[in-house]
Amino acid sequence: MNTSENQFQEYDWAEIARNASKHFMDIFITPEVMRRQAIGELPQPVDLRAAQIIFYPDGKKPTVRINSEVKLSVRSFLGWIFRNPCEPGINGNWEI
Protein backbone atom coordinates (compact mmCIF):
# COMPACT_ATOMS: atom_id res chain seq x y z
CA MET A 1 0.00 0.00 0.00
CA ASN A 2 1.30 3.39 -0.94
CA THR A 3 1.44 5.58 2.20
CA SER A 4 1.28 8.76 0.14
CA GLU A 5 -2.36 7.91 -0.65
CA ASN A 6 -3.26 8.35 3.03
CA GLN A 7 -1.75 11.82 3.25
CA PHE A 8 -4.78 13.48 1.73
CA GLN A 9 -7.48 11.41 3.39
CA GLU A 10 -10.81 13.21 3.65
CA TYR A 11 -12.16 13.72 7.15
CA ASP A 12 -15.72 14.38 8.24
CA TRP A 13 -14.86 17.46 10.30
CA ALA A 14 -18.49 17.99 11.34
CA GLU A 15 -18.59 14.47 12.80
CA ILE A 16 -15.26 15.01 14.55
CA ALA A 17 -16.58 18.25 16.09
CA ARG A 18 -19.81 16.53 17.22
CA ASN A 19 -17.85 13.72 18.86
CA ALA A 20 -15.44 16.10 20.58
CA SER A 21 -18.34 18.23 21.88
CA LYS A 22 -20.11 15.15 23.21
CA HIS A 23 -16.98 13.96 24.98
CA PHE A 24 -16.39 17.38 26.60
CA MET A 25 -20.02 17.38 27.76
CA ASP A 26 -19.79 13.82 29.12
CA ILE A 27 -16.41 14.21 30.83
CA PHE A 28 -16.44 17.79 32.14
CA ILE A 29 -19.65 19.80 31.78
CA THR A 30 -22.43 17.36 32.70
CA PRO A 31 -20.70 16.14 35.90
CA GLU A 32 -20.13 19.78 36.99
CA VAL A 33 -23.76 20.71 36.29
CA MET A 34 -24.94 17.68 38.27
CA ARG A 35 -22.58 18.50 41.16
CA ARG A 36 -23.86 22.07 41.34
CA GLN A 37 -27.48 20.95 41.10
CA ALA A 38 -26.91 18.52 43.98
CA ILE A 39 -25.71 21.35 46.24
CA GLY A 40 -28.35 23.82 45.04
CA GLU A 41 -26.11 26.12 42.99
CA LEU A 42 -27.97 25.41 39.73
CA PRO A 43 -31.68 24.81 39.11
CA GLN A 44 -33.11 21.54 37.82
CA PRO A 45 -33.41 21.53 34.89
CA VAL A 46 -30.66 23.96 34.04
CA ASP A 47 -30.93 26.31 31.06
CA LEU A 48 -27.41 25.68 29.73
CA ARG A 49 -26.54 28.49 27.35
CA ALA A 50 -22.74 28.47 27.56
CA ALA A 51 -19.98 26.40 29.08
CA GLN A 52 -16.23 26.87 29.17
CA ILE A 53 -13.51 24.51 30.32
CA ILE A 54 -10.23 26.05 31.47
CA PHE A 55 -7.28 23.65 31.30
CA TYR A 56 -4.10 24.34 33.27
CA PRO A 57 -0.60 23.36 32.15
CA ASP A 58 0.47 22.32 35.67
CA GLY A 59 -2.01 19.43 35.88
CA LYS A 60 -4.46 21.28 38.13
CA LYS A 61 -8.07 20.10 37.81
CA PRO A 62 -9.83 21.95 34.96
CA THR A 63 -12.23 24.75 35.87
CA VAL A 64 -15.72 24.54 34.37
CA ARG A 65 -17.60 27.80 33.89
CA ILE A 66 -21.35 27.77 33.32
CA ASN A 67 -23.54 30.41 31.61
CA SER A 68 -22.76 33.88 33.05
CA GLU A 69 -19.37 32.67 34.39
CA VAL A 70 -18.10 32.18 30.83
CA LYS A 71 -15.59 34.82 29.78
CA LEU A 72 -14.41 35.49 26.27
CA SER A 73 -12.06 37.92 24.63
CA VAL A 74 -11.75 37.97 20.84
CA ARG A 75 -9.18 39.88 18.84
CA SER A 76 -9.90 40.20 15.15
CA PHE A 77 -7.25 40.28 12.48
CA LEU A 78 -8.02 44.00 12.19
CA GLY A 79 -7.00 44.53 15.81
CA TRP A 80 -10.45 45.17 17.32
CA ILE A 81 -11.08 43.65 20.73
CA PHE A 82 -14.45 42.38 21.95
CA ARG A 83 -15.06 41.37 25.56
CA ASN A 84 -18.05 40.15 27.58
CA PRO A 85 -20.66 41.40 27.75
CA CYS A 86 -20.84 41.13 23.98
CA GLU A 87 -20.20 44.32 22.11
CA PRO A 88 -21.38 45.07 18.57
CA GLY A 89 -19.09 43.71 15.89
CA ILE A 90 -18.65 44.44 12.22
CA ASN A 91 -21.57 42.21 11.23
CA GLY A 92 -23.85 42.80 14.21
CA ASN A 93 -23.58 41.42 17.72
CA TRP A 94 -21.35 38.67 18.99
CA GLU A 95 -23.51 36.06 20.67
CA ILE A 96 -21.99 33.74 23.22
PDB file of N, CA and C in Angstrom:
ATOM      1  N   MET A   1       0.832  -1.197   0.000  1.00  0.00           N
ATOM      2  CA  MET A   1       0.000   0.000   0.000  1.00  0.00           C
ATOM      3  C   MET A   1       0.867   1.246   0.000  1.00  0.00           C
ATOM      4  N   ASN A   2       0.549   2.150  -0.825  1.00  0.00           N
ATOM      5  CA  ASN A   2       1.302   3.392  -0.938  1.00  0.00           C
ATOM      6  C   ASN A   2       0.870   4.348   0.172  1.00  0.00           C
ATOM      7  N   THR A   3       1.788   4.710   1.066  1.00  0.00           N
ATOM      8  CA  THR A   3       1.440   5.579   2.198  1.00  0.00           C
ATOM      9  C   THR A   3       1.116   6.997   1.761  1.00  0.00           C
ATOM     10  N   SER A   4       1.581   7.409   0.604  1.00  0.00           N
ATOM     11  CA  SER A   4       1.281   8.764   0.138  1.00  0.00           C
ATOM     12  C   SER A   4      -0.205   8.938  -0.158  1.00  0.00           C
ATOM     13  N   GLU A   5      -0.915   7.822  -0.413  1.00  0.00           N
ATOM     14  CA  GLU A   5      -2.357   7.908  -0.654  1.00  0.00           C
ATOM     15  C   GLU A   5      -3.105   8.340   0.597  1.00  0.00           C
ATOM     16  N   ASN A   6      -2.599   8.011   1.774  1.00  0.00           N
ATOM     17  CA  ASN A   6      -3.260   8.345   3.032  1.00  0.00           C
ATOM     18  C   ASN A   6      -3.024   9.782   3.460  1.00  0.00           C
ATOM     19  N   GLN A   7      -2.059  10.452   2.870  1.00  0.00           N
ATOM     20  CA  GLN A   7      -1.745  11.825   3.255  1.00  0.00           C
ATOM     21  C   GLN A   7      -2.922  12.770   3.070  1.00  0.00           C
ATOM     22  N   PHE A   8      -3.715  12.549   2.075  1.00  0.00           N
ATOM     23  CA  PHE A   8      -4.783  13.481   1.729  1.00  0.00           C
ATOM     24  C   PHE A   8      -6.156  12.874   1.998  1.00  0.00           C
ATOM     25  N   GLN A   9      -6.228  12.050   3.023  1.00  0.00           N
ATOM     26  CA  GLN A   9      -7.485  11.407   3.386  1.00  0.00           C
ATOM     27  C   GLN A   9      -8.509  12.470   3.775  1.00  0.00           C
ATOM     28  N   GLU A  10      -9.715  12.294   3.308  1.00  0.00           N
ATOM     29  CA  GLU A  10     -10.806  13.206   3.647  1.00  0.00           C
ATOM     30  C   GLU A  10     -11.327  12.877   5.034  1.00  0.00           C
ATOM     31  N   TYR A  11     -11.605  13.905   5.819  1.00  0.00           N
ATOM     32  CA  TYR A  11     -12.164  13.725   7.149  1.00  0.00           C
ATOM     33  C   TYR A  11     -13.532  14.372   7.206  1.00  0.00           C
ATOM     34  N   ASP A  12     -14.404  13.793   7.994  1.00  0.00           N
ATOM     35  CA  ASP A  12     -15.721  14.379   8.237  1.00  0.00           C
ATOM     36  C   ASP A  12     -15.570  15.289   9.458  1.00  0.00           C
ATOM     37  N   TRP A  13     -15.169  16.535   9.220  1.00  0.00           N
ATOM     38  CA  TRP A  13     -14.863  17.459  10.304  1.00  0.00           C
ATOM     39  C   TRP A  13     -16.088  17.766  11.148  1.00  0.00           C
ATOM     40  N   ALA A  14     -17.265  17.758  10.564  1.00  0.00           N
ATOM     41  CA  ALA A  14     -18.489  17.992  11.336  1.00  0.00           C
ATOM     42  C   ALA A  14     -18.701  16.857  12.336  1.00  0.00           C
ATOM     43  N   GLU A  15     -18.458  15.629  11.908  1.00  0.00           N
ATOM     44  CA  GLU A  15     -18.592  14.475  12.802  1.00  0.00           C
ATOM     45  C   GLU A  15     -17.537  14.511  13.900  1.00  0.00           C
ATOM     46  N   ILE A  16     -16.324  14.889  13.559  1.00  0.00           N
ATOM     47  CA  ILE A  16     -15.261  15.009  14.553  1.00  0.00           C
ATOM     48  C   ILE A  16     -15.635  16.062  15.598  1.00  0.00           C
ATOM     49  N   ALA A  17     -16.169  17.191  15.160  1.00  0.00           N
ATOM     50  CA  ALA A  17     -16.583  18.252  16.089  1.00  0.00           C
ATOM     51  C   ALA A  17     -17.727  17.779  16.986  1.00  0.00           C
ATOM     52  N   ARG A  18     -18.697  17.060  16.412  1.00  0.00           N
ATOM     53  CA  ARG A  18     -19.809  16.527  17.221  1.00  0.00           C
ATOM     54  C   ARG A  18     -19.296  15.564  18.291  1.00  0.00           C
ATOM     55  N   ASN A  19     -18.399  14.684  17.905  1.00  0.00           N
ATOM     56  CA  ASN A  19     -17.849  13.718  18.856  1.00  0.00           C
ATOM     57  C   ASN A  19     -17.052  14.408  19.952  1.00  0.00           C
ATOM     58  N   ALA A  20     -16.239  15.373  19.585  1.00  0.00           N
ATOM     59  CA  ALA A  20     -15.445  16.102  20.582  1.00  0.00           C
ATOM     60  C   ALA A  20     -16.364  16.851  21.545  1.00  0.00           C
ATOM     61  N   SER A  21     -17.393  17.504  21.023  1.00  0.00           N
ATOM     62  CA  SER A  21     -18.343  18.230  21.877  1.00  0.00           C
ATOM     63  C   SER A  21     -19.037  17.282  22.839  1.00  0.00           C
ATOM     64  N   LYS A  22     -19.444  16.126  22.353  1.00  0.00           N
ATOM     65  CA  LYS A  22     -20.113  15.148  23.212  1.00  0.00           C
ATOM     66  C   LYS A  22     -19.177  14.680  24.320  1.00  0.00           C
ATOM     67  N   HIS A  23     -17.931  14.412  23.976  1.00  0.00           N
ATOM     68  CA  HIS A  23     -16.975  13.964  24.983  1.00  0.00           C
ATOM     69  C   HIS A  23     -16.717  15.040  26.040  1.00  0.00           C
ATOM     70  N   PHE A  24     -16.580  16.294  25.625  1.00  0.00           N
ATOM     71  CA  PHE A  24     -16.393  17.383  26.595  1.00  0.00           C
ATOM     72  C   PHE A  24     -17.609  17.503  27.504  1.00  0.00           C
ATOM     73  N   MET A  25     -18.802  17.357  26.937  1.00  0.00           N
ATOM     74  CA  MET A  25     -20.018  17.384  27.760  1.00  0.00           C
ATOM     75  C   MET A  25     -20.018  16.227  28.761  1.00  0.00           C
ATOM     76  N   ASP A  26     -19.744  15.017  28.271  1.00  0.00           N
ATOM     77  CA  ASP A  26     -19.792  13.822  29.120  1.00  0.00           C
ATOM     78  C   ASP A  26     -18.728  13.833  30.214  1.00  0.00           C
ATOM     79  N   ILE A  27     -17.534  14.298  29.890  1.00  0.00           N
ATOM     80  CA  ILE A  27     -16.410  14.212  30.828  1.00  0.00           C
ATOM     81  C   ILE A  27     -16.352  15.393  31.794  1.00  0.00           C
ATOM     82  N   PHE A  28     -16.657  16.598  31.321  1.00  0.00           N
ATOM     83  CA  PHE A  28     -16.442  17.791  32.139  1.00  0.00           C
ATOM     84  C   PHE A  28     -17.728  18.531  32.526  1.00  0.00           C
ATOM     85  N   ILE A  29     -18.546  18.870  31.542  1.00  0.00           N
ATOM     86  CA  ILE A  29     -19.650  19.802  31.782  1.00  0.00           C
ATOM     87  C   ILE A  29     -20.810  19.154  32.522  1.00  0.00           C
ATOM     88  N   THR A  30     -21.296  18.012  32.040  1.00  0.00           N
ATOM     89  CA  THR A  30     -22.432  17.359  32.696  1.00  0.00           C
ATOM     90  C   THR A  30     -22.140  17.006  34.156  1.00  0.00           C
ATOM     91  N   PRO A  31     -20.974  16.418  34.473  1.00  0.00           N
ATOM     92  CA  PRO A  31     -20.704  16.145  35.897  1.00  0.00           C
ATOM     93  C   PRO A  31     -20.682  17.408  36.763  1.00  0.00           C
ATOM     94  N   GLU A  32     -20.167  18.525  36.215  1.00  0.00           N
ATOM     95  CA  GLU A  32     -20.131  19.776  36.992  1.00  0.00           C
ATOM     96  C   GLU A  32     -21.533  20.336  37.182  1.00  0.00           C
ATOM     97  N   VAL A  33     -22.364  20.264  36.160  1.00  0.00           N
ATOM     98  CA  VAL A  33     -23.758  20.711  36.290  1.00  0.00           C
ATOM     99  C   VAL A  33     -24.463  19.872  37.351  1.00  0.00           C
ATOM    100  N   MET A  34     -24.288  18.565  37.301  1.00  0.00           N
ATOM    101  CA  MET A  34     -24.944  17.685  38.273  1.00  0.00           C
ATOM    102  C   MET A  34     -24.442  17.949  39.693  1.00  0.00           C
ATOM    103  N   ARG A  35     -23.138  18.200  39.844  1.00  0.00           N
ATOM    104  CA  ARG A  35     -22.577  18.504  41.161  1.00  0.00           C
ATOM    105  C   ARG A  35     -23.193  19.778  41.724  1.00  0.00           C
ATOM    106  N   ARG A  36     -23.293  20.794  40.883  1.00  0.00           N
ATOM    107  CA  ARG A  36     -23.861  22.072  41.335  1.00  0.00           C
ATOM    108  C   ARG A  36     -25.350  21.954  41.618  1.00  0.00           C
ATOM    109  N   GLN A  37     -26.055  21.161  40.834  1.00  0.00           N
ATOM    110  CA  GLN A  37     -27.481  20.947  41.103  1.00  0.00           C
ATOM    111  C   GLN A  37     -27.672  20.235  42.441  1.00  0.00           C
ATOM    112  N   ALA A  38     -26.795  19.291  42.739  1.00  0.00           N
ATOM    113  CA  ALA A  38     -26.911  18.517  43.980  1.00  0.00           C
ATOM    114  C   ALA A  38     -26.733  19.394  45.219  1.00  0.00           C
ATOM    115  N   ILE A  39     -25.933  20.473  45.091  1.00  0.00           N
ATOM    116  CA  ILE A  39     -25.711  21.354  46.244  1.00  0.00           C
ATOM    117  C   ILE A  39     -26.532  22.639  46.150  1.00  0.00           C
ATOM    118  N   GLY A  40     -27.428  22.697  45.159  1.00  0.00           N
ATOM    119  CA  GLY A  40     -28.350  23.821  45.043  1.00  0.00           C
ATOM    120  C   GLY A  40     -27.814  25.060  44.366  1.00  0.00           C
ATOM    121  N   GLU A  41     -26.679  24.955  43.687  1.00  0.00           N
ATOM    122  CA  GLU A  41     -26.110  26.118  42.992  1.00  0.00           C
ATOM    123  C   GLU A  41     -26.713  26.336  41.613  1.00  0.00           C
ATOM    124  N   LEU A  42     -27.313  25.304  41.043  1.00  0.00           N
ATOM    125  CA  LEU A  42     -27.966  25.409  39.735  1.00  0.00           C
ATOM    126  C   LEU A  42     -29.358  24.797  39.834  1.00  0.00           C
ATOM    127  N   PRO A  43     -30.318  25.366  39.092  1.00  0.00           N
ATOM    128  CA  PRO A  43     -31.676  24.812  39.113  1.00  0.00           C
ATOM    129  C   PRO A  43     -31.750  23.497  38.336  1.00  0.00           C
ATOM    130  N   GLN A  44     -32.823  22.763  38.578  1.00  0.00           N
ATOM    131  CA  GLN A  44     -33.111  21.543  37.820  1.00  0.00           C
ATOM    132  C   GLN A  44     -34.443  21.720  37.120  1.00  0.00           C
ATOM    133  N   PRO A  45     -34.516  21.672  35.835  1.00  0.00           N
ATOM    134  CA  PRO A  45     -33.411  21.526  34.887  1.00  0.00           C
ATOM    135  C   PRO A  45     -32.683  22.855  34.698  1.00  0.00           C
ATOM    136  N   VAL A  46     -31.455  22.764  34.274  1.00  0.00           N
ATOM    137  CA  VAL A  46     -30.656  23.964  34.040  1.00  0.00           C
ATOM    138  C   VAL A  46     -30.851  24.424  32.598  1.00  0.00           C
ATOM    139  N   ASP A  47     -30.873  25.730  32.397  1.00  0.00           N
ATOM    140  CA  ASP A  47     -30.929  26.312  31.056  1.00  0.00           C
ATOM    141  C   ASP A  47     -29.482  26.587  30.648  1.00  0.00           C
ATOM    142  N   LEU A  48     -28.823  25.573  30.086  1.00  0.00           N
ATOM    143  CA  LEU A  48     -27.413  25.682  29.728  1.00  0.00           C
ATOM    144  C   LEU A  48     -27.276  26.454  28.425  1.00  0.00           C
ATOM    145  N   ARG A  49     -26.717  27.644  28.527  1.00  0.00           N
ATOM    146  CA  ARG A  49     -26.537  28.494  27.350  1.00  0.00           C
ATOM    147  C   ARG A  49     -25.074  28.586  26.924  1.00  0.00           C
ATOM    148  N   ALA A  50     -24.161  28.402  27.876  1.00  0.00           N
ATOM    149  CA  ALA A  50     -22.740  28.471  27.559  1.00  0.00           C
ATOM    150  C   ALA A  50     -21.971  27.679  28.598  1.00  0.00           C
ATOM    151  N   ALA A  51     -20.869  27.105  28.167  1.00  0.00           N
ATOM    152  CA  ALA A  51     -19.978  26.403  29.079  1.00  0.00           C
ATOM    153  C   ALA A  51     -18.551  26.599  28.571  1.00  0.00           C
ATOM    154  N   GLN A  52     -17.639  26.651  29.515  1.00  0.00           N
ATOM    155  CA  GLN A  52     -16.235  26.873  29.169  1.00  0.00           C
ATOM    156  C   GLN A  52     -15.394  26.000  30.098  1.00  0.00           C
ATOM    157  N   ILE A  53     -14.413  25.334  29.536  1.00  0.00           N
ATOM    158  CA  ILE A  53     -13.511  24.508  30.320  1.00  0.00           C
ATOM    159  C   ILE A  53     -12.131  25.146  30.245  1.00  0.00           C
ATOM    160  N   ILE A  54     -11.571  25.454  31.401  1.00  0.00           N
ATOM    161  CA  ILE A  54     -10.234  26.049  31.473  1.00  0.00           C
ATOM    162  C   ILE A  54      -9.260  24.945  31.881  1.00  0.00           C
ATOM    163  N   PHE A  55      -8.301  24.653  31.015  1.00  0.00           N
ATOM    164  CA  PHE A  55      -7.280  23.650  31.301  1.00  0.00           C
ATOM    165  C   PHE A  55      -6.007  24.360  31.750  1.00  0.00           C
ATOM    166  N   TYR A  56      -5.319  23.755  32.709  1.00  0.00           N
ATOM    167  CA  TYR A  56      -4.102  24.340  33.267  1.00  0.00           C
ATOM    168  C   TYR A  56      -2.895  23.489  32.890  1.00  0.00           C
ATOM    169  N   PRO A  57      -1.777  24.123  32.574  1.00  0.00           N
ATOM    170  CA  PRO A  57      -0.597  23.363  32.148  1.00  0.00           C
ATOM    171  C   PRO A  57       0.086  22.602  33.289  1.00  0.00           C
ATOM    172  N   ASP A  58      -0.211  22.961  34.542  1.00  0.00           N
ATOM    173  CA  ASP A  58       0.467  22.323  35.671  1.00  0.00           C
ATOM    174  C   ASP A  58      -0.250  21.079  36.182  1.00  0.00           C
ATOM    175  N   GLY A  59      -1.301  20.626  35.477  1.00  0.00           N
ATOM    176  CA  GLY A  59      -2.014  19.429  35.882  1.00  0.00           C
ATOM    177  C   GLY A  59      -3.132  19.675  36.869  1.00  0.00           C
ATOM    178  N   LYS A  60      -3.359  20.931  37.243  1.00  0.00           N
ATOM    179  CA  LYS A  60      -4.461  21.281  38.133  1.00  0.00           C
ATOM    180  C   LYS A  60      -5.781  20.869  37.489  1.00  0.00           C
ATOM    181  N   LYS A  61      -6.754  20.498  38.318  1.00  0.00           N
ATOM    182  CA  LYS A  61      -8.066  20.095  37.812  1.00  0.00           C
ATOM    183  C   LYS A  61      -8.665  21.228  36.975  1.00  0.00           C
ATOM    184  N   PRO A  62      -9.236  20.904  35.801  1.00  0.00           N
ATOM    185  CA  PRO A  62      -9.834  21.952  34.957  1.00  0.00           C
ATOM    186  C   PRO A  62     -10.979  22.677  35.676  1.00  0.00           C
ATOM    187  N   THR A  63     -11.132  23.939  35.365  1.00  0.00           N
ATOM    188  CA  THR A  63     -12.234  24.751  35.875  1.00  0.00           C
ATOM    189  C   THR A  63     -13.340  24.751  34.838  1.00  0.00           C
ATOM    190  N   VAL A  64     -14.574  24.512  35.273  1.00  0.00           N
ATOM    191  CA  VAL A  64     -15.723  24.541  34.367  1.00  0.00           C
ATOM    192  C   VAL A  64     -16.557  25.764  34.709  1.00  0.00           C
ATOM    193  N   ARG A  65     -16.756  26.618  33.726  1.00  0.00           N
ATOM    194  CA  ARG A  65     -17.596  27.804  33.886  1.00  0.00           C
ATOM    195  C   ARG A  65     -18.920  27.547  33.191  1.00  0.00           C
ATOM    196  N   ILE A  66     -20.001  27.996  33.836  1.00  0.00           N
ATOM    197  CA  ILE A  66     -21.346  27.767  33.322  1.00  0.00           C
ATOM    198  C   ILE A  66     -22.047  29.106  33.111  1.00  0.00           C
ATOM    199  N   ASN A  67     -22.709  29.251  31.964  1.00  0.00           N
ATOM    200  CA  ASN A  67     -23.540  30.413  31.611  1.00  0.00           C
ATOM    201  C   ASN A  67     -22.840  31.736  31.878  1.00  0.00           C
ATOM    202  N   SER A  68     -23.287  32.521  32.848  1.00  0.00           N
ATOM    203  CA  SER A  68     -22.758  33.877  33.052  1.00  0.00           C
ATOM    204  C   SER A  68     -21.309  33.887  33.535  1.00  0.00           C
ATOM    205  N   GLU A  69     -20.773  32.751  33.967  1.00  0.00           N
ATOM    206  CA  GLU A  69     -19.372  32.673  34.392  1.00  0.00           C
ATOM    207  C   GLU A  69     -18.424  32.665  33.195  1.00  0.00           C
ATOM    208  N   VAL A  70     -18.932  32.305  32.024  1.00  0.00           N
ATOM    209  CA  VAL A  70     -18.101  32.181  30.825  1.00  0.00           C
ATOM    210  C   VAL A  70     -17.558  33.553  30.447  1.00  0.00           C
ATOM    211  N   LYS A  71     -16.254  33.587  30.186  1.00  0.00           N
ATOM    212  CA  LYS A  71     -15.591  34.820  29.779  1.00  0.00           C
ATOM    213  C   LYS A  71     -14.937  34.588  28.429  1.00  0.00           C
ATOM    214  N   LEU A  72     -14.965  35.620  27.610  1.00  0.00           N
ATOM    215  CA  LEU A  72     -14.405  35.495  26.275  1.00  0.00           C
ATOM    216  C   LEU A  72     -13.820  36.820  25.844  1.00  0.00           C
ATOM    217  N   SER A  73     -12.674  36.746  25.233  1.00  0.00           N
ATOM    218  CA  SER A  73     -12.064  37.917  24.628  1.00  0.00           C
ATOM    219  C   SER A  73     -11.651  37.504  23.221  1.00  0.00           C
ATOM    220  N   VAL A  74     -12.050  38.283  22.232  1.00  0.00           N
ATOM    221  CA  VAL A  74     -11.751  37.973  20.837  1.00  0.00           C
ATOM    222  C   VAL A  74     -10.997  39.135  20.230  1.00  0.00           C
ATOM    223  N   ARG A  75      -9.917  38.840  19.558  1.00  0.00           N
ATOM    224  CA  ARG A  75      -9.178  39.875  18.843  1.00  0.00           C
ATOM    225  C   ARG A  75      -9.259  39.539  17.359  1.00  0.00           C
ATOM    226  N   SER A  76      -9.770  40.458  16.584  1.00  0.00           N
ATOM    227  CA  SER A  76      -9.899  40.204  15.150  1.00  0.00           C
ATOM    228  C   SER A  76      -8.572  40.474  14.463  1.00  0.00           C
ATOM    229  N   PHE A  77      -8.467  40.034  13.237  1.00  0.00           N
ATOM    230  CA  PHE A  77      -7.246  40.280  12.481  1.00  0.00           C
ATOM    231  C   PHE A  77      -7.057  41.772  12.192  1.00  0.00           C
ATOM    232  N   LEU A  78      -8.122  42.564  12.388  1.00  0.00           N
ATOM    233  CA  LEU A  78      -8.023  44.003  12.193  1.00  0.00           C
ATOM    234  C   LEU A  78      -7.613  44.726  13.480  1.00  0.00           C
ATOM    235  N   GLY A  79      -7.462  43.962  14.561  1.00  0.00           N
ATOM    236  CA  GLY A  79      -6.999  44.531  15.808  1.00  0.00           C
ATOM    237  C   GLY A  79      -8.096  44.967  16.760  1.00  0.00           C
ATOM    238  N   TRP A  80      -9.374  44.797  16.406  1.00  0.00           N
ATOM    239  CA  TRP A  80     -10.448  45.166  17.322  1.00  0.00           C
ATOM    240  C   TRP A  80     -10.557  44.135  18.424  1.00  0.00           C
ATOM    241  N   ILE A  81     -10.945  44.564  19.602  1.00  0.00           N
ATOM    242  CA  ILE A  81     -11.085  43.653  20.733  1.00  0.00           C
ATOM    243  C   ILE A  81     -12.525  43.683  21.203  1.00  0.00           C
ATOM    244  N   PHE A  82     -13.102  42.516  21.427  1.00  0.00           N
ATOM    245  CA  PHE A  82     -14.452  42.378  21.948  1.00  0.00           C
ATOM    246  C   PHE A  82     -14.356  41.604  23.259  1.00  0.00           C
ATOM    247  N   ARG A  83     -15.059  42.054  24.276  1.00  0.00           N
ATOM    248  CA  ARG A  83     -15.061  41.370  25.563  1.00  0.00           C
ATOM    249  C   ARG A  83     -16.493  41.232  26.046  1.00  0.00           C
ATOM    250  N   ASN A  84     -16.725  40.274  26.955  1.00  0.00           N
ATOM    251  CA  ASN A  84     -18.049  40.150  27.575  1.00  0.00           C
ATOM    252  C   ASN A  84     -18.311  41.374  28.416  1.00  0.00           C
ATOM    253  N   PRO A  85     -19.533  41.861  28.535  1.00  0.00           N
ATOM    254  CA  PRO A  85     -20.664  41.400  27.749  1.00  0.00           C
ATOM    255  C   PRO A  85     -20.463  41.748  26.278  1.00  0.00           C
ATOM    256  N   CYS A  86     -21.085  41.009  25.420  1.00  0.00           N
ATOM    257  CA  CYS A  86     -20.843  41.135  23.983  1.00  0.00           C
ATOM    258  C   CYS A  86     -21.063  42.554  23.502  1.00  0.00           C
ATOM    259  N   GLU A  87     -20.128  42.991  22.707  1.00  0.00           N
ATOM    260  CA  GLU A  87     -20.205  44.319  22.108  1.00  0.00           C
ATOM    261  C   GLU A  87     -20.513  44.156  20.621  1.00  0.00           C
ATOM    262  N   PRO A  88     -21.098  45.174  20.007  1.00  0.00           N
ATOM    263  CA  PRO A  88     -21.377  45.070  18.568  1.00  0.00           C
ATOM    264  C   PRO A  88     -20.110  44.829  17.767  1.00  0.00           C
ATOM    265  N   GLY A  89     -20.212  43.983  16.769  1.00  0.00           N
ATOM    266  CA  GLY A  89     -19.087  43.707  15.892  1.00  0.00           C
ATOM    267  C   GLY A  89     -19.349  44.277  14.517  1.00  0.00           C
ATOM    268  N   ILE A  90     -18.516  43.940  13.579  1.00  0.00           N
ATOM    269  CA  ILE A  90     -18.655  44.436  12.219  1.00  0.00           C
ATOM    270  C   ILE A  90     -19.992  44.012  11.630  1.00  0.00           C
ATOM    271  N   ASN A  91     -20.359  42.750  11.823  1.00  0.00           N
ATOM    272  CA  ASN A  91     -21.569  42.207  11.231  1.00  0.00           C
ATOM    273  C   ASN A  91     -22.684  42.040  12.238  1.00  0.00           C
ATOM    274  N   GLY A  92     -22.804  42.929  13.205  1.00  0.00           N
ATOM    275  CA  GLY A  92     -23.855  42.800  14.214  1.00  0.00           C
ATOM    276  C   GLY A  92     -23.278  42.465  15.559  1.00  0.00           C
ATOM    277  N   ASN A  93     -24.011  41.741  16.364  1.00  0.00           N
ATOM    278  CA  ASN A  93     -23.579  41.419  17.718  1.00  0.00           C
ATOM    279  C   ASN A  93     -22.907  40.060  17.779  1.00  0.00           C
ATOM    280  N   TRP A  94     -21.945  39.958  18.672  1.00  0.00           N
ATOM    281  CA  TRP A  94     -21.350  38.668  18.994  1.00  0.00           C
ATOM    282  C   TRP A  94     -22.273  37.996  19.982  1.00  0.00           C
ATOM    283  N   GLU A  95     -22.663  36.789  19.722  1.00  0.00           N
ATOM    284  CA  GLU A  95     -23.508  36.060  20.671  1.00  0.00           C
ATOM    285  C   GLU A  95     -22.716  34.912  21.229  1.00  0.00           C
ATOM    286  N   ILE A  96     -22.768  34.785  22.543  1.00  0.00           N
ATOM    287  CA  ILE A  96     -21.991  33.742  23.218  1.00  0.00           C
ATOM    288  C   ILE A  96     -22.933  32.876  23.992  1.00  0.00           C
TER     289      ILE A  96
END
